[in-house]
N, C-alpha and C. Protein backbone atom coordinates (compact mmCIF):
# COMPACT_ATOMS: atom_id res chain seq x y z
N MET A 1 52.54 126.95 0.47
CA MET A 1 51.36 125.62 1.01
C MET A 1 50.16 126.27 0.55
N VAL A 2 49.54 125.48 -0.04
CA VAL A 2 48.54 125.41 -0.34
C VAL A 2 47.43 124.48 0.44
N PHE A 3 46.04 125.14 0.63
CA PHE A 3 45.63 124.36 1.58
C PHE A 3 43.94 124.74 -0.02
N ASN A 4 43.97 123.26 0.16
CA ASN A 4 42.34 123.71 -0.91
C ASN A 4 41.39 122.96 0.01
N LYS A 5 40.15 122.96 -0.60
CA LYS A 5 39.10 122.44 -0.21
C LYS A 5 38.11 123.39 0.64
N ILE A 6 38.65 124.38 0.78
CA ILE A 6 38.06 125.47 1.27
C ILE A 6 36.36 125.61 1.05
N ASP A 7 35.87 125.32 0.20
CA ASP A 7 34.41 125.29 -0.22
C ASP A 7 33.88 124.09 0.78
N ALA A 8 34.68 122.65 1.18
CA ALA A 8 33.99 121.84 1.85
C ALA A 8 34.38 122.12 3.32
N TYR A 9 34.93 123.21 3.93
CA TYR A 9 35.12 123.41 4.89
C TYR A 9 33.67 123.72 5.81
N ARG A 10 33.88 123.18 6.91
CA ARG A 10 32.22 123.65 7.92
C ARG A 10 32.68 124.17 9.14
N PHE A 11 32.40 125.62 9.36
CA PHE A 11 32.79 126.00 10.52
C PHE A 11 31.75 125.74 11.43
N VAL A 12 31.74 125.53 12.44
CA VAL A 12 31.15 125.31 13.87
C VAL A 12 31.25 125.99 15.42
N GLN A 13 30.12 127.07 15.05
CA GLN A 13 30.83 128.07 16.45
C GLN A 13 29.98 127.44 17.55
N LYS A 14 31.20 127.59 18.60
CA LYS A 14 30.73 126.89 19.81
C LYS A 14 30.23 128.14 20.60
N GLU A 15 29.15 127.66 21.41
CA GLU A 15 28.60 128.40 22.71
C GLU A 15 29.40 129.06 23.29
N GLU A 16 29.31 130.82 23.92
CA GLU A 16 30.19 131.14 24.72
C GLU A 16 30.48 130.54 25.41
N ASP A 17 29.66 130.02 26.92
CA ASP A 17 29.63 129.44 27.84
C ASP A 17 30.33 128.18 27.95
N ASP A 18 30.71 126.90 26.93
CA ASP A 18 30.85 125.88 26.44
C ASP A 18 32.11 126.10 26.80
N LEU A 19 32.74 125.08 27.53
CA LEU A 19 34.03 124.70 27.89
C LEU A 19 34.42 123.73 27.49
N THR A 20 34.08 123.06 26.62
CA THR A 20 34.52 121.84 26.55
C THR A 20 35.76 122.25 24.99
N PRO A 21 36.42 121.17 25.16
CA PRO A 21 37.85 121.76 24.39
C PRO A 21 37.29 121.57 22.82
N GLY A 22 37.79 122.62 22.03
CA GLY A 22 37.84 122.59 21.05
C GLY A 22 38.16 121.61 19.71
N THR A 23 37.68 121.42 18.76
CA THR A 23 37.50 120.72 17.54
C THR A 23 38.16 121.56 16.86
N LYS A 24 38.45 120.46 15.02
CA LYS A 24 38.99 121.51 14.30
C LYS A 24 37.74 121.71 13.35
N GLU A 25 36.48 121.79 13.62
CA GLU A 25 35.31 121.99 13.46
C GLU A 25 34.91 123.57 13.60
N ASN A 26 35.53 124.22 14.83
CA ASN A 26 35.22 125.05 15.99
C ASN A 26 36.50 126.28 15.38
N ILE A 27 37.32 126.03 14.80
CA ILE A 27 37.89 126.69 13.86
C ILE A 27 37.47 127.41 13.05
N SER A 28 37.54 128.93 12.59
CA SER A 28 37.20 129.43 11.50
C SER A 28 38.00 129.47 10.28
N LEU A 29 37.93 129.82 9.25
CA LEU A 29 38.67 129.87 8.34
C LEU A 29 39.59 131.32 8.33
N ASP A 30 39.17 132.29 8.72
CA ASP A 30 40.15 133.53 9.43
C ASP A 30 41.11 132.97 10.57
N GLU A 31 40.38 132.45 11.19
CA GLU A 31 41.43 132.22 12.50
C GLU A 31 42.84 130.91 12.03
N LEU A 32 41.90 130.01 11.16
CA LEU A 32 42.92 129.07 10.43
C LEU A 32 44.25 130.12 9.28
N LYS A 33 43.53 131.29 9.16
CA LYS A 33 45.04 131.84 8.08
C LYS A 33 45.64 132.64 8.85
N ASN A 34 45.60 132.36 9.99
CA ASN A 34 46.32 133.55 10.61
C ASN A 34 47.02 132.69 11.72
N SER A 35 47.12 131.18 11.75
CA SER A 35 47.72 130.39 12.17
C SER A 35 49.17 130.02 12.26
N TRP A 36 49.41 129.13 12.51
CA TRP A 36 51.12 128.93 12.37
C TRP A 36 51.58 128.36 11.25
N MET A 37 50.57 127.52 10.72
CA MET A 37 50.34 126.62 9.59
C MET A 37 50.82 128.06 8.20
N ALA A 38 49.77 128.96 8.76
CA ALA A 38 50.20 129.93 7.23
C ALA A 38 51.09 130.96 7.78
N LYS A 39 52.01 130.90 9.09
CA LYS A 39 53.16 132.16 9.01
C LYS A 39 54.45 131.14 8.91
N ALA A 40 54.06 129.49 8.38
CA ALA A 40 55.38 129.05 8.45
C ALA A 40 56.24 129.80 7.71
N ASN A 41 57.49 129.18 7.28
CA ASN A 41 58.35 130.27 6.62
C ASN A 41 57.76 129.99 4.78
N ALA A 42 56.95 129.46 4.62
CA ALA A 42 56.45 129.24 3.33
C ALA A 42 55.45 130.15 2.96
N PRO A 43 54.89 130.70 1.91
CA PRO A 43 53.77 131.71 1.79
C PRO A 43 52.31 130.82 1.75
N ALA A 44 51.30 130.70 2.61
CA ALA A 44 50.47 130.25 2.39
C ALA A 44 49.25 130.90 1.42
N VAL A 45 48.32 129.89 0.98
CA VAL A 45 46.98 130.16 0.26
C VAL A 45 46.15 129.31 0.40
N PHE A 46 44.64 129.52 0.59
CA PHE A 46 43.80 128.85 1.08
C PHE A 46 42.72 128.85 -0.30
N ILE A 47 42.32 128.49 -1.24
CA ILE A 47 41.86 127.86 -2.43
C ILE A 47 40.84 126.75 -2.26
N SER A 48 40.20 126.99 -3.34
CA SER A 48 39.09 126.21 -3.58
C SER A 48 39.20 126.13 -5.30
N ALA A 49 39.50 124.73 -5.69
CA ALA A 49 39.67 124.35 -6.65
C ALA A 49 38.34 124.32 -8.01
N ALA A 50 37.62 123.86 -7.13
CA ALA A 50 36.01 123.47 -7.73
C ALA A 50 35.17 125.40 -7.65
N ASN A 51 35.83 125.86 -6.60
CA ASN A 51 34.86 126.59 -7.26
C ASN A 51 35.92 128.32 -7.51
N ASN A 52 36.81 127.64 -7.65
CA ASN A 52 37.79 128.38 -8.54
C ASN A 52 38.11 130.20 -7.71
N GLU A 53 37.87 129.47 -6.34
CA GLU A 53 38.32 130.77 -5.31
C GLU A 53 39.85 130.91 -4.59
N ASN A 54 40.47 132.01 -4.84
CA ASN A 54 41.37 132.76 -4.58
C ASN A 54 42.49 132.06 -5.35
N ILE A 55 42.26 131.49 -6.80
CA ILE A 55 43.27 130.94 -7.81
C ILE A 55 44.01 132.07 -8.29
N LYS A 56 43.17 133.14 -8.31
CA LYS A 56 44.38 134.36 -8.51
C LYS A 56 45.29 134.77 -7.67
N GLU A 57 44.87 134.67 -6.44
CA GLU A 57 46.26 135.12 -5.25
C GLU A 57 47.23 133.63 -5.30
N LEU A 58 46.59 132.69 -5.96
CA LEU A 58 47.75 131.79 -5.52
C LEU A 58 48.93 131.74 -6.79
N ARG A 59 48.24 131.92 -8.13
CA ARG A 59 48.71 132.37 -9.14
C ARG A 59 49.80 133.60 -8.86
N ALA A 60 49.12 134.86 -8.04
CA ALA A 60 50.26 135.92 -8.07
C ALA A 60 51.51 135.52 -7.08
N LYS A 61 51.34 134.51 -6.15
CA LYS A 61 52.38 133.96 -5.01
C LYS A 61 53.11 132.92 -5.74
N MET A 62 52.89 131.87 -6.85
CA MET A 62 53.78 131.34 -7.65
C MET A 62 54.62 132.35 -8.79
N MET A 63 54.28 133.50 -8.96
CA MET A 63 54.61 134.10 -9.96
C MET A 63 56.01 134.80 -8.95
N GLU A 64 55.82 135.52 -8.01
CA GLU A 64 56.68 136.23 -7.06
C GLU A 64 57.44 135.12 -6.53
N LEU A 65 57.57 133.77 -6.06
CA LEU A 65 58.25 133.02 -5.75
C LEU A 65 59.38 132.75 -6.96
N VAL A 66 58.61 132.68 -8.13
CA VAL A 66 59.55 132.19 -9.72
C VAL A 66 60.57 133.46 -9.88
N LYS A 67 59.89 134.31 -9.50
CA LYS A 67 60.50 136.37 -9.89
C LYS A 67 61.69 136.05 -8.80
N GLN A 68 61.85 135.68 -7.97
CA GLN A 68 62.50 135.72 -6.70
C GLN A 68 64.19 134.63 -6.43
N LYS A 69 63.05 133.66 -7.07
CA LYS A 69 64.11 132.35 -7.64
C LYS A 69 64.93 133.40 -9.10
N HIS A 70 64.18 133.64 -9.99
CA HIS A 70 64.69 133.46 -11.12
C HIS A 70 65.83 134.60 -10.77
N TYR A 71 65.97 135.57 -9.52
CA TYR A 71 66.65 136.87 -9.75
C TYR A 71 67.75 136.32 -8.74
N GLN A 72 67.82 135.36 -8.19
CA GLN A 72 68.82 134.66 -7.47
C GLN A 72 69.96 134.14 -7.73
N ILE A 73 69.10 133.29 -9.48
CA ILE A 73 70.22 132.67 -10.07
C ILE A 73 70.59 133.76 -11.38
N TYR A 74 70.07 134.46 -10.92
CA TYR A 74 70.47 135.49 -13.03
C TYR A 74 70.15 137.02 -11.95
N PRO A 75 70.78 137.36 -11.26
CA PRO A 75 70.89 138.63 -10.20
C PRO A 75 70.79 139.77 -11.18
N ASN A 76 71.46 139.49 -12.63
CA ASN A 76 71.77 140.85 -13.61
C ASN A 76 70.32 141.06 -14.25
N ALA A 77 69.59 140.28 -14.52
CA ALA A 77 68.67 140.08 -15.09
C ALA A 77 67.24 140.99 -14.64
N ALA A 78 67.46 141.27 -13.16
CA ALA A 78 66.77 142.59 -13.10
C ALA A 78 67.10 143.66 -13.14
N GLU A 79 68.41 143.97 -13.61
CA GLU A 79 69.23 145.08 -13.87
C GLU A 79 68.63 145.21 -15.64
N ASP A 80 68.67 144.34 -16.15
CA ASP A 80 67.97 144.42 -17.29
C ASP A 80 66.44 144.34 -17.54
N GLN A 81 65.48 144.65 -16.74
CA GLN A 81 64.69 145.17 -16.68
C GLN A 81 63.95 146.55 -16.54
N GLN A 82 64.76 146.82 -16.24
CA GLN A 82 64.82 148.45 -16.18
C GLN A 82 65.14 149.32 -17.34
């Protein structure tokens, strides 16, 4: 799961004594990264395509998933690498 546009995300910190319900702007990017969305059964990467942020992480995760799938389809390929 890829979350793009982190460059456009704006975090608004609530006062400690503010008891009003939180909004999506009151959730930090770190909290989002640790939320249920990121912990789903699929890996999650938070990127900014405009600023080239976390693109290497995205590529690495994609490559790992492709390798896993490849070895599921061709189990002997893992042995051939050694």
